[in-house]
Amino acid sequence: MNSLSIYFGMIGGPQIIIIVVVILLLFGGRKIPELMKGIGGGLKEFKKAAKEEPEENLEEKK
């Protein structure tokens, strides 16, 4: 069994609430939207790069 599945399998409702409270304490309510916007932009860029990568590899192999 994968060790990550063991850790993620143990996260429940109370743990998520604790994580959200800690994030609010660390970053404050005003910076959370900026943080989420940055994470969303990073994920969008990652997905874009992941889609472009296979196309580039096909062109290089020809």
PDB file of N, CA and C in Angstrom:
ATOM      1  N   MET A   1       0.843  -1.181   0.000  1.00  0.00           N
ATOM      2  CA  MET A   1       0.000   0.000   0.000  1.00  0.00           C
ATOM      3  C   MET A   1       0.889   1.245   0.000  1.00  0.00           C
ATOM      4  N   ASN A   2       0.489   2.235  -0.732  1.00  0.00           N
ATOM      5  CA  ASN A   2       1.232   3.483  -0.859  1.00  0.00           C
ATOM      6  C   ASN A   2       1.167   4.271   0.451  1.00  0.00           C
ATOM      7  N   SER A   3       2.288   4.830   0.882  1.00  0.00           N
ATOM      8  CA  SER A   3       2.313   5.568   2.146  1.00  0.00           C
ATOM      9  C   SER A   3       1.469   6.835   2.090  1.00  0.00           C
ATOM     10  N   LEU A   4       1.351   7.466   0.908  1.00  0.00           N
ATOM     11  CA  LEU A   4       0.513   8.657   0.798  1.00  0.00           C
ATOM     12  C   LEU A   4      -0.949   8.340   1.026  1.00  0.00           C
ATOM     13  N   SER A   5      -1.413   7.202   0.540  1.00  0.00           N
ATOM     14  CA  SER A   5      -2.815   6.845   0.736  1.00  0.00           C
ATOM     15  C   SER A   5      -3.110   6.612   2.208  1.00  0.00           C
ATOM     16  N   ILE A   6      -2.125   6.168   2.958  1.00  0.00           N
ATOM     17  CA  ILE A   6      -2.320   5.972   4.394  1.00  0.00           C
ATOM     18  C   ILE A   6      -2.516   7.322   5.078  1.00  0.00           C
ATOM     19  N   TYR A   7      -1.688   8.309   4.739  1.00  0.00           N
ATOM     20  CA  TYR A   7      -1.803   9.614   5.359  1.00  0.00           C
ATOM     21  C   TYR A   7      -3.084  10.330   4.946  1.00  0.00           C
ATOM     22  N   PHE A   8      -3.409  10.304   3.665  1.00  0.00           N
ATOM     23  CA  PHE A   8      -4.594  11.007   3.201  1.00  0.00           C
ATOM     24  C   PHE A   8      -5.873  10.308   3.649  1.00  0.00           C
ATOM     25  N   GLY A   9      -5.810   9.039   3.891  1.00  0.00           N
ATOM     26  CA  GLY A   9      -6.965   8.300   4.374  1.00  0.00           C
ATOM     27  C   GLY A   9      -7.335   8.675   5.796  1.00  0.00           C
ATOM     28  N   MET A  10      -6.396   9.250   6.526  1.00  0.00           N
ATOM     29  CA  MET A  10      -6.621   9.601   7.921  1.00  0.00           C
ATOM     30  C   MET A  10      -7.172  11.006   8.095  1.00  0.00           C
ATOM     31  N   ILE A  11      -7.264  11.788   7.019  1.00  0.00           N
ATOM     32  CA  ILE A  11      -7.760  13.160   7.128  1.00  0.00           C
ATOM     33  C   ILE A  11      -9.273  13.136   7.093  1.00  0.00           C
ATOM     34  N   GLY A  12      -9.889  13.715   8.117  1.00  0.00           N
ATOM     35  CA  GLY A  12     -11.337  13.775   8.209  1.00  0.00           C
ATOM     36  C   GLY A  12     -11.804  15.200   8.426  1.00  0.00           C
ATOM     37  N   GLY A  13     -13.041  15.349   8.796  1.00  0.00           N
ATOM     38  CA  GLY A  13     -13.640  16.660   9.017  1.00  0.00           C
ATOM     39  C   GLY A  13     -12.917  17.505  10.065  1.00  0.00           C
ATOM     40  N   PRO A  14     -12.686  16.959  11.263  1.00  0.00           N
ATOM     41  CA  PRO A  14     -12.009  17.762  12.292  1.00  0.00           C
ATOM     42  C   PRO A  14     -10.604  18.205  11.881  1.00  0.00           C
ATOM     43  N   GLN A  15      -9.880  17.352  11.162  1.00  0.00           N
ATOM     44  CA  GLN A  15      -8.530  17.714  10.728  1.00  0.00           C
ATOM     45  C   GLN A  15      -8.573  18.837   9.703  1.00  0.00           C
ATOM     46  N   ILE A  16      -9.540  18.804   8.809  1.00  0.00           N
ATOM     47  CA  ILE A  16      -9.671  19.869   7.809  1.00  0.00           C
ATOM     48  C   ILE A  16      -9.996  21.189   8.486  1.00  0.00           C
ATOM     49  N   ILE A  17     -10.866  21.167   9.493  1.00  0.00           N
ATOM     50  CA  ILE A  17     -11.203  22.391  10.228  1.00  0.00           C
ATOM     51  C   ILE A  17      -9.969  22.960  10.912  1.00  0.00           C
ATOM     52  N   ILE A  18      -9.164  22.102  11.513  1.00  0.00           N
ATOM     53  CA  ILE A  18      -7.936  22.556  12.176  1.00  0.00           C
ATOM     54  C   ILE A  18      -6.987  23.170  11.161  1.00  0.00           C
ATOM     55  N   ILE A  19      -6.843  22.559   9.991  1.00  0.00           N
ATOM     56  CA  ILE A  19      -5.965  23.090   8.945  1.00  0.00           C
ATOM     57  C   ILE A  19      -6.446  24.456   8.487  1.00  0.00           C
ATOM     58  N   VAL A  20      -7.755  24.621   8.293  1.00  0.00           N
ATOM     59  CA  VAL A  20      -8.310  25.911   7.857  1.00  0.00           C
ATOM     60  C   VAL A  20      -8.065  26.978   8.915  1.00  0.00           C
ATOM     61  N   VAL A  21      -8.247  26.644  10.173  1.00  0.00           N
ATOM     62  CA  VAL A  21      -8.018  27.615  11.258  1.00  0.00           C
ATOM     63  C   VAL A  21      -6.555  28.026  11.298  1.00  0.00           C
ATOM     64  N   VAL A  22      -5.649  27.080  11.149  1.00  0.00           N
ATOM     65  CA  VAL A  22      -4.213  27.401  11.163  1.00  0.00           C
ATOM     66  C   VAL A  22      -3.865  28.308   9.988  1.00  0.00           C
ATOM     67  N   ILE A  23      -4.419  28.025   8.807  1.00  0.00           N
ATOM     68  CA  ILE A  23      -4.157  28.873   7.639  1.00  0.00           C
ATOM     69  C   ILE A  23      -4.684  30.278   7.879  1.00  0.00           C
ATOM     70  N   LEU A  24      -5.877  30.396   8.450  1.00  0.00           N
ATOM     71  CA  LEU A  24      -6.428  31.723   8.750  1.00  0.00           C
ATOM     72  C   LEU A  24      -5.548  32.473   9.744  1.00  0.00           C
ATOM     73  N   LEU A  25      -5.025  31.780  10.738  1.00  0.00           N
ATOM     74  CA  LEU A  25      -4.155  32.428  11.718  1.00  0.00           C
ATOM     75  C   LEU A  25      -2.828  32.859  11.098  1.00  0.00           C
ATOM     76  N   LEU A  26      -2.291  32.037  10.201  1.00  0.00           N
ATOM     77  CA  LEU A  26      -1.000  32.362   9.607  1.00  0.00           C
ATOM     78  C   LEU A  26      -1.098  33.494   8.579  1.00  0.00           C
ATOM     79  N   PHE A  27      -2.101  33.434   7.725  1.00  0.00           N
ATOM     80  CA  PHE A  27      -2.162  34.368   6.604  1.00  0.00           C
ATOM     81  C   PHE A  27      -3.163  35.495   6.816  1.00  0.00           C
ATOM     82  N   GLY A  28      -4.125  35.331   7.664  1.00  0.00           N
ATOM     83  CA  GLY A  28      -5.142  36.344   7.863  1.00  0.00           C
ATOM     84  C   GLY A  28      -6.199  36.275   6.771  1.00  0.00           C
ATOM     85  N   GLY A  29      -7.366  36.823   7.069  1.00  0.00           N
ATOM     86  CA  GLY A  29      -8.486  36.755   6.139  1.00  0.00           C
ATOM     87  C   GLY A  29      -8.270  37.535   4.860  1.00  0.00           C
ATOM     88  N   ARG A  30      -7.488  38.599   4.909  1.00  0.00           N
ATOM     89  CA  ARG A  30      -7.305  39.454   3.727  1.00  0.00           C
ATOM     90  C   ARG A  30      -6.381  38.828   2.690  1.00  0.00           C
ATOM     91  N   LYS A  31      -5.435  38.042   3.126  1.00  0.00           N
ATOM     92  CA  LYS A  31      -4.455  37.487   2.186  1.00  0.00           C
ATOM     93  C   LYS A  31      -4.886  36.144   1.593  1.00  0.00           C
ATOM     94  N   ILE A  32      -5.913  35.525   2.143  1.00  0.00           N
ATOM     95  CA  ILE A  32      -6.364  34.217   1.646  1.00  0.00           C
ATOM     96  C   ILE A  32      -6.795  34.298   0.175  1.00  0.00           C
ATOM     97  N   PRO A  33      -7.614  35.285  -0.248  1.00  0.00           N
ATOM     98  CA  PRO A  33      -7.976  35.338  -1.674  1.00  0.00           C
ATOM     99  C   PRO A  33      -6.759  35.481  -2.591  1.00  0.00           C
ATOM    100  N   GLU A  34      -5.779  36.281  -2.173  1.00  0.00           N
ATOM    101  CA  GLU A  34      -4.551  36.425  -2.971  1.00  0.00           C
ATOM    102  C   GLU A  34      -3.806  35.100  -3.053  1.00  0.00           C
ATOM    103  N   LEU A  35      -3.755  34.381  -1.952  1.00  0.00           N
ATOM    104  CA  LEU A  35      -3.084  33.084  -1.905  1.00  0.00           C
ATOM    105  C   LEU A  35      -3.784  32.089  -2.831  1.00  0.00           C
ATOM    106  N   MET A  36      -5.113  32.041  -2.775  1.00  0.00           N
ATOM    107  CA  MET A  36      -5.871  31.119  -3.625  1.00  0.00           C
ATOM    108  C   MET A  36      -5.728  31.488  -5.101  1.00  0.00           C
ATOM    109  N   LYS A  37      -5.688  32.789  -5.393  1.00  0.00           N
ATOM    110  CA  LYS A  37      -5.509  33.237  -6.772  1.00  0.00           C
ATOM    111  C   LYS A  37      -4.139  32.788  -7.297  1.00  0.00           C
ATOM    112  N   GLY A  38      -3.127  32.904  -6.476  1.00  0.00           N
ATOM    113  CA  GLY A  38      -1.787  32.466  -6.865  1.00  0.00           C
ATOM    114  C   GLY A  38      -1.713  30.963  -7.079  1.00  0.00           C
ATOM    115  N   ILE A  39      -2.358  30.210  -6.201  1.00  0.00           N
ATOM    116  CA  ILE A  39      -2.368  28.744  -6.344  1.00  0.00           C
ATOM    117  C   ILE A  39      -3.125  28.356  -7.610  1.00  0.00           C
ATOM    118  N   GLY A  40      -4.266  29.017  -7.870  1.00  0.00           N
ATOM    119  CA  GLY A  40      -5.044  28.727  -9.077  1.00  0.00           C
ATOM    120  C   GLY A  40      -4.263  29.038 -10.339  1.00  0.00           C
ATOM    121  N   GLY A  41      -3.545  30.153 -10.346  1.00  0.00           N
ATOM    122  CA  GLY A  41      -2.721  30.510 -11.500  1.00  0.00           C
ATOM    123  C   GLY A  41      -1.602  29.509 -11.720  1.00  0.00           C
ATOM    124  N   GLY A  42      -1.023  29.046 -10.627  1.00  0.00           N
ATOM    125  CA  GLY A  42       0.040  28.050 -10.728  1.00  0.00           C
ATOM    126  C   GLY A  42      -0.472  26.725 -11.280  1.00  0.00           C
ATOM    127  N   LEU A  43      -1.650  26.306 -10.826  1.00  0.00           N
ATOM    128  CA  LEU A  43      -2.239  25.066 -11.336  1.00  0.00           C
ATOM    129  C   LEU A  43      -2.600  25.187 -12.810  1.00  0.00           C
ATOM    130  N   LYS A  44      -3.107  26.354 -13.195  1.00  0.00           N
ATOM    131  CA  LYS A  44      -3.466  26.579 -14.595  1.00  0.00           C
ATOM    132  C   LYS A  44      -2.222  26.513 -15.481  1.00  0.00           C
ATOM    133  N   GLU A  45      -1.142  27.121 -15.019  1.00  0.00           N
ATOM    134  CA  GLU A  45       0.116  27.102 -15.766  1.00  0.00           C
ATOM    135  C   GLU A  45       0.680  25.683 -15.850  1.00  0.00           C
ATOM    136  N   PHE A  46       0.560  24.934 -14.765  1.00  0.00           N
ATOM    137  CA  PHE A  46       1.035  23.553 -14.747  1.00  0.00           C
ATOM    138  C   PHE A  46       0.264  22.690 -15.745  1.00  0.00           C
ATOM    139  N   LYS A  47      -1.067  22.843 -15.761  1.00  0.00           N
ATOM    140  CA  LYS A  47      -1.887  22.075 -16.699  1.00  0.00           C
ATOM    141  C   LYS A  47      -1.544  22.437 -18.141  1.00  0.00           C
ATOM    142  N   LYS A  48      -1.317  23.724 -18.377  1.00  0.00           N
ATOM    143  CA  LYS A  48      -0.956  24.167 -19.723  1.00  0.00           C
ATOM    144  C   LYS A  48       0.374  23.544 -20.152  1.00  0.00           C
ATOM    145  N   ALA A  49       1.340  23.551 -19.257  1.00  0.00           N
ATOM    146  CA  ALA A  49       2.650  22.967 -19.571  1.00  0.00           C
ATOM    147  C   ALA A  49       2.548  21.459 -19.758  1.00  0.00           C
ATOM    148  N   ALA A  50       1.697  20.819 -18.985  1.00  0.00           N
ATOM    149  CA  ALA A  50       1.540  19.363 -19.100  1.00  0.00           C
ATOM    150  C   ALA A  50       0.920  18.992 -20.444  1.00  0.00           C
ATOM    151  N   LYS A  51       0.017  19.809 -20.947  1.00  0.00           N
ATOM    152  CA  LYS A  51      -0.595  19.535 -22.247  1.00  0.00           C
ATOM    153  C   LYS A  51       0.384  19.787 -23.387  1.00  0.00           C
ATOM    154  N   GLU A  52       1.226  20.792 -23.257  1.00  0.00           N
ATOM    155  CA  GLU A  52       2.174  21.134 -24.311  1.00  0.00           C
ATOM    156  C   GLU A  52       3.332  20.157 -24.376  1.00  0.00           C
ATOM    157  N   GLU A  53       3.708  19.568 -23.277  1.00  0.00           N
ATOM    158  CA  GLU A  53       4.871  18.684 -23.218  1.00  0.00           C
ATOM    159  C   GLU A  53       4.762  17.491 -24.155  1.00  0.00           C
ATOM    160  N   PRO A  54       3.667  16.738 -24.159  1.00  0.00           N
ATOM    161  CA  PRO A  54       3.608  15.585 -25.078  1.00  0.00           C
ATOM    162  C   PRO A  54       3.695  15.993 -26.555  1.00  0.00           C
ATOM    163  N   GLU A  55       3.122  17.132 -26.903  1.00  0.00           N
ATOM    164  CA  GLU A  55       3.192  17.597 -28.284  1.00  0.00           C
ATOM    165  C   GLU A  55       4.635  17.902 -28.683  1.00  0.00           C
ATOM    166  N   GLU A  56       5.389  18.518 -27.787  1.00  0.00           N
ATOM    167  CA  GLU A  56       6.788  18.836 -28.073  1.00  0.00           C
ATOM    168  C   GLU A  56       7.616  17.562 -28.218  1.00  0.00           C
ATOM    169  N   ASN A  57       7.331  16.572 -27.379  1.00  0.00           N
ATOM    170  CA  ASN A  57       8.072  15.308 -27.462  1.00  0.00           C
ATOM    171  C   ASN A  57       7.808  14.589 -28.765  1.00  0.00           C
ATOM    172  N   LEU A  58       6.592  14.661 -29.276  1.00  0.00           N
ATOM    173  CA  LEU A  58       6.266  14.016 -30.541  1.00  0.00           C
ATOM    174  C   LEU A  58       7.012  14.678 -31.695  1.00  0.00           C
ATOM    175  N   GLU A  59       7.126  16.000 -31.652  1.00  0.00           N
ATOM    176  CA  GLU A  59       7.833  16.715 -32.711  1.00  0.00           C
ATOM    177  C   GLU A  59       9.323  16.413 -32.682  1.00  0.00           C
ATOM    178  N   GLU A  60       9.900  16.262 -31.506  1.00  0.00           N
ATOM    179  CA  GLU A  60      11.334  15.988 -31.396  1.00  0.00           C
ATOM    180  C   GLU A  60      11.686  14.583 -31.867  1.00  0.00           C
ATOM    181  N   LYS A  61      10.783  13.638 -31.716  1.00  0.00           N
ATOM    182  CA  LYS A  61      11.052  12.253 -32.084  1.00  0.00           C
ATOM    183  C   LYS A  61      10.983  12.026 -33.597  1.00  0.00           C
ATOM    184  N   LYS A  62      10.316  12.897 -34.311  1.00  0.00           N
ATOM    185  CA  LYS A  62      10.160  12.714 -35.762  1.00  0.00           C
ATOM    186  C   LYS A  62      11.432  12.931 -36.510  1.00  0.00           C
TER     187      LYS A  62
END
